[in-house]
C-alpha atoms as a PDB file:
ATOM      1  CA  UNK A   1      94.381 103.407  92.181  1.00  0.00           C
ATOM      2  CA  UNK A   2      97.190 101.371  93.410  1.00  0.00           C
ATOM      3  CA  UNK A   3      97.194 100.780  96.998  1.00  0.00           C
ATOM      4  CA  UNK A   4     100.496 100.419  99.386  1.00  0.00           C
ATOM      5  CA  UNK A   5     101.021  97.030 100.759  1.00  0.00           C
ATOM      6  CA  UNK A   6     100.076  98.167 104.248  1.00  0.00           C
ATOM      7  CA  UNK A   7      96.732  99.447 102.834  1.00  0.00           C
ATOM      8  CA  UNK A   8      95.967  96.560 100.764  1.00  0.00           C
ATOM      9  CA  UNK A   9      96.864  94.360 103.951  1.00  0.00           C
ATOM     10  CA  UNK A  10      94.395  96.394 106.081  1.00  0.00           C
ATOM     11  CA  UNK A  11      91.798  96.360 103.527  1.00  0.00           C
ATOM     12  CA  UNK A  12      91.867  92.529 103.136  1.00  0.00           C
ATOM     13  CA  UNK A  13      91.457  92.394 106.874  1.00  0.00           C
ATOM     14  CA  UNK A  14      88.515  94.911 106.866  1.00  0.00           C
ATOM     15  CA  UNK A  15      86.991  92.811 104.188  1.00  0.00           C
ATOM     16  CA  UNK A  16      87.460  89.333 105.722  1.00  0.00           C
ATOM     17  CA  UNK A  17      85.966  90.708 109.114  1.00  0.00           C
ATOM     18  CA  UNK A  18      83.093  92.254 107.277  1.00  0.00           C
ATOM     19  CA  UNK A  19      82.636  88.782 105.509  1.00  0.00           C
ATOM     20  CA  UNK A  20      82.465  87.020 109.139  1.00  0.00           C
ATOM     21  CA  UNK A  21      80.319  89.733 110.487  1.00  0.00           C
ATOM     22  CA  UNK A  22      77.577  89.619 107.926  1.00  0.00           C
ATOM     23  CA  UNK A  23      77.637  85.732 107.924  1.00  0.00           C
ATOM     24  CA  UNK A  24      76.459  86.555 111.577  1.00  0.00           C
ATOM     25  CA  UNK A  25      73.680  88.841 110.531  1.00  0.00           C
ATOM     26  CA  UNK A  26      72.432  86.204 108.092  1.00  0.00           C
ATOM     27  CA  UNK A  27      72.116  83.923 111.087  1.00  0.00           C
ATOM     28  CA  UNK A  28      70.422  86.537 113.089  1.00  0.00           C
ATOM     29  CA  UNK A  29      68.000  86.874 110.286  1.00  0.00           C
ATOM     30  CA  UNK A  30      67.377  83.094 109.944  1.00  0.00           C
ATOM     31  CA  UNK A  31      66.376  83.243 113.676  1.00  0.00           C
ATOM     32  CA  UNK A  32      64.057  85.802 113.150  1.00  0.00           C
ATOM     33  CA  UNK A  33      62.330  84.199 109.927  1.00  0.00           C
ATOM     34  CA  UNK A  34      63.548  87.077 107.452  1.00  0.00           C
ATOM     35  CA  UNK A  35      64.484  84.753 104.557  1.00  0.00           C
ATOM     36  CA  UNK A  36      64.890  87.549 102.067  1.00  0.00           C
ATOM     37  CA  UNK A  37      67.256  89.536 104.284  1.00  0.00           C
ATOM     38  CA  UNK A  38      69.200  86.280 105.093  1.00  0.00           C
ATOM     39  CA  UNK A  39      70.095  85.433 101.677  1.00  0.00           C
ATOM     40  CA  UNK A  40      71.269  88.849 101.133  1.00  0.00           C
ATOM     41  CA  UNK A  41      73.399  88.675 103.893  1.00  0.00           C
ATOM     42  CA  UNK A  42      74.645  85.239 102.868  1.00  0.00           C
ATOM     43  CA  UNK A  43      75.459  86.457  99.488  1.00  0.00           C
ATOM     44  CA  UNK A  44      77.126  89.675 100.951  1.00  0.00           C
ATOM     45  CA  UNK A  45      79.199  87.613 103.339  1.00  0.00           C
ATOM     46  CA  UNK A  46      80.911  85.510 100.340  1.00  0.00           C
ATOM     47  CA  UNK A  47      81.114  88.760  98.196  1.00  0.00           C
ATOM     48  CA  UNK A  48      83.412  90.681 101.131  1.00  0.00           C
ATOM     49  CA  UNK A  49      85.490  87.351 101.326  1.00  0.00           C
ATOM     50  CA  UNK A  50      85.757  87.386  97.440  1.00  0.00           C
ATOM     51  CA  UNK A  51      86.617  90.907  97.096  1.00  0.00           C
ATOM     52  CA  UNK A  52      89.187  90.539 100.054  1.00  0.00           C
ATOM     53  CA  UNK A  53      90.955  87.936  97.891  1.00  0.00           C
ATOM     54  CA  UNK A  54      90.743  89.914  94.830  1.00  0.00           C
ATOM     55  CA  UNK A  55      92.088  93.179  96.542  1.00  0.00           C
ATOM     56  CA  UNK A  56      95.024  91.072  97.901  1.00  0.00           C
ATOM     57  CA  UNK A  57      96.097  89.919  94.200  1.00  0.00           C
ATOM     58  CA  UNK A  58      95.475  93.826  93.109  1.00  0.00           C
ATOM     59  CA  UNK A  59      92.398  92.724  90.972  1.00  0.00           C
ATOM     60  CA  UNK A  60      89.767  95.077  90.414  1.00  0.00           C
ATOM     61  CA  UNK A  61      86.008  94.731  89.469  1.00  0.00           C
ATOM     62  CA  UNK A  62      83.433  97.407  89.477  1.00  0.00           C
ATOM     63  CA  UNK A  63      80.297  95.465  89.540  1.00  0.00           C
ATOM     64  CA  UNK A  64      79.014  92.299  91.285  1.00  0.00           C
ATOM     65  CA  UNK A  65      79.029  90.379  88.005  1.00  0.00           C
ATOM     66  CA  UNK A  66      82.648  91.688  87.662  1.00  0.00           C
ATOM     67  CA  UNK A  67      83.690  90.170  90.937  1.00  0.00           C
ATOM     68  CA  UNK A  68      82.043  86.739  89.876  1.00  0.00           C
ATOM     69  CA  UNK A  69      83.830  86.840  86.625  1.00  0.00           C
ATOM     70  CA  UNK A  70      87.110  87.811  88.108  1.00  0.00           C
ATOM     71  CA  UNK A  71      86.877  84.856  90.785  1.00  0.00           C
ATOM     72  CA  UNK A  72      86.349  82.442  87.932  1.00  0.00           C
ATOM     73  CA  UNK A  73      89.095  83.732  85.798  1.00  0.00           C
ATOM     74  CA  UNK A  74      91.651  84.012  88.323  1.00  0.00           C
ATOM     75  CA  UNK A  75      91.037  81.430  90.991  1.00  0.00           C
ATOM     76  CA  UNK A  76      88.718  78.758  89.593  1.00  0.00           C
ATOM     77  CA  UNK A  77      90.185  78.552  86.552  1.00  0.00           C
ATOM     78  CA  UNK A  78      93.391  78.164  88.135  1.00  0.00           C
ATOM     79  CA  UNK A  79      92.124  75.545  90.521  1.00  0.00           C
ATOM     80  CA  UNK A  80      92.429  77.322  93.760  1.00  0.00           C
ATOM     81  CA  UNK A  81      88.832  77.613  94.317  1.00  0.00           C
ATOM     82  CA  UNK A  82      86.671  74.441  93.492  1.00  0.00           C
ATOM     83  CA  UNK A  83      83.905  74.594  90.889  1.00  0.00           C
ATOM     84  CA  UNK A  84      81.661  73.705  93.757  1.00  0.00           C
ATOM     85  CA  UNK A  85      82.621  76.712  95.599  1.00  0.00           C
ATOM     86  CA  UNK A  86      82.281  78.897  92.612  1.00  0.00           C
ATOM     87  CA  UNK A  87      78.472  77.308  92.064  1.00  0.00           C
ATOM     88  CA  UNK A  88      77.764  78.290  95.665  1.00  0.00           C
ATOM     89  CA  UNK A  89      78.889  81.747  95.164  1.00  0.00           C
ATOM     90  CA  UNK A  90      76.944  82.189  91.982  1.00  0.00           C
ATOM     91  CA  UNK A  91      73.962  80.746  93.060  1.00  0.00           C
ATOM     92  CA  UNK A  92      73.974  83.207  96.291  1.00  0.00           C
ATOM     93  CA  UNK A  93      74.150  85.845  93.433  1.00  0.00           C
ATOM     94  CA  UNK A  94      71.174  84.779  91.664  1.00  0.00           C
ATOM     95  CA  UNK A  95      69.427  84.174  94.833  1.00  0.00           C
ATOM     96  CA  UNK A  96      70.093  87.686  96.283  1.00  0.00           C
ATOM     97  CA  UNK A  97      69.013  89.171  92.980  1.00  0.00           C
ATOM     98  CA  UNK A  98      65.801  87.305  92.966  1.00  0.00           C
ATOM     99  CA  UNK A  99      65.103  88.179  96.535  1.00  0.00           C
ATOM    100  CA  UNK A 100      65.492  91.767  95.857  1.00  0.00           C
ATOM    101  CA  UNK A 101      64.170  92.354  92.520  1.00  0.00           C
ATOM    102  CA  UNK A 102      61.506  89.724  91.833  1.00  0.00           C
ATOM    103  CA  UNK A 103      58.274  90.578  93.447  1.00  0.00           C
ATOM    104  CA  UNK A 104      56.797  87.222  92.782  1.00  0.00           C
ATOM    105  CA  UNK A 105      59.576  84.966  94.495  1.00  0.00           C
ATOM    106  CA  UNK A 106      59.084  84.577  98.019  1.00  0.00           C
ATOM    107  CA  UNK A 107      61.882  82.825  99.687  1.00  0.00           C
ATOM    108  CA  UNK A 108      61.391  80.456 102.408  1.00  0.00           C
ATOM    109  CA  UNK A 109      63.199  78.565 105.136  1.00  0.00           C
ATOM    110  CA  UNK A 110      64.212  75.853 103.072  1.00  0.00           C
ATOM    111  CA  UNK A 111      65.433  77.997 100.188  1.00  0.00           C
ATOM    112  CA  UNK A 112      67.848  79.669 102.723  1.00  0.00           C
ATOM    113  CA  UNK A 113      68.958  77.381 105.625  1.00  0.00           C
ATOM    114  CA  UNK A 114      71.146  74.681 103.601  1.00  0.00           C
ATOM    115  CA  UNK A 115      73.327  77.715 102.453  1.00  0.00           C
ATOM    116  CA  UNK A 116      74.575  78.665 106.096  1.00  0.00           C
ATOM    117  CA  UNK A 117      77.324  75.861 106.306  1.00  0.00           C
ATOM    118  CA  UNK A 118      78.714  75.861 102.798  1.00  0.00           C
ATOM    119  CA  UNK A 119      78.963  80.142 103.074  1.00  0.00           C
ATOM    120  CA  UNK A 120      80.970  79.516 106.523  1.00  0.00           C
ATOM    121  CA  UNK A 121      83.294  77.054 104.540  1.00  0.00           C
ATOM    122  CA  UNK A 122      83.642  79.203 101.828  1.00  0.00           C
ATOM    123  CA  UNK A 123      84.918  82.200 104.040  1.00  0.00           C
ATOM    124  CA  UNK A 124      87.135  79.698 105.791  1.00  0.00           C
ATOM    125  CA  UNK A 125      88.644  78.623 102.396  1.00  0.00           C
ATOM    126  CA  UNK A 126      88.972  82.141 101.050  1.00  0.00           C
ATOM    127  CA  UNK A 127      90.505  83.320 104.401  1.00  0.00           C
ATOM    128  CA  UNK A 128      92.973  80.275 104.205  1.00  0.00           C
ATOM    129  CA  UNK A 129      94.000  81.047 100.589  1.00  0.00           C
ATOM    130  CA  UNK A 130      94.790  84.541 101.376  1.00  0.00           C
ATOM    131  CA  UNK A 131      96.752  83.547 104.495  1.00  0.00           C
ATOM    132  CA  UNK A 132      98.765  81.230 102.463  1.00  0.00           C
ATOM    133  CA  UNK A 133      99.649  83.545  99.607  1.00  0.00           C
ATOM    134  CA  UNK A 134     100.691  86.459 102.121  1.00  0.00           C
END
């Protein structure tokens, strides 16, 4: 499905706002000591930002792994997103999966809190990339 430019821009804005709100949800969960929920929200904050970037470029992905792959192919490989930022996103994807599906893994504060600032930076960098390519 091809979106009109106005619709694409609206969707990009919506996804960026969702990324920022989801980061706030992650921080709220951290304050409550809900480590699995916080990890989930940190991942989704990044996911929504990446989805905004993909939408802006007209790139589609049908799965979470597809989003990871498209980011690498179109932005990391091209030098628009750093390897470090990509590793952050991939690490959060793995942690979110572990937290959601592995009954034997218990995430703790030290597993989660180091990601807050890098996720904030990740979202800001994605937003800057979007704004500079409008």
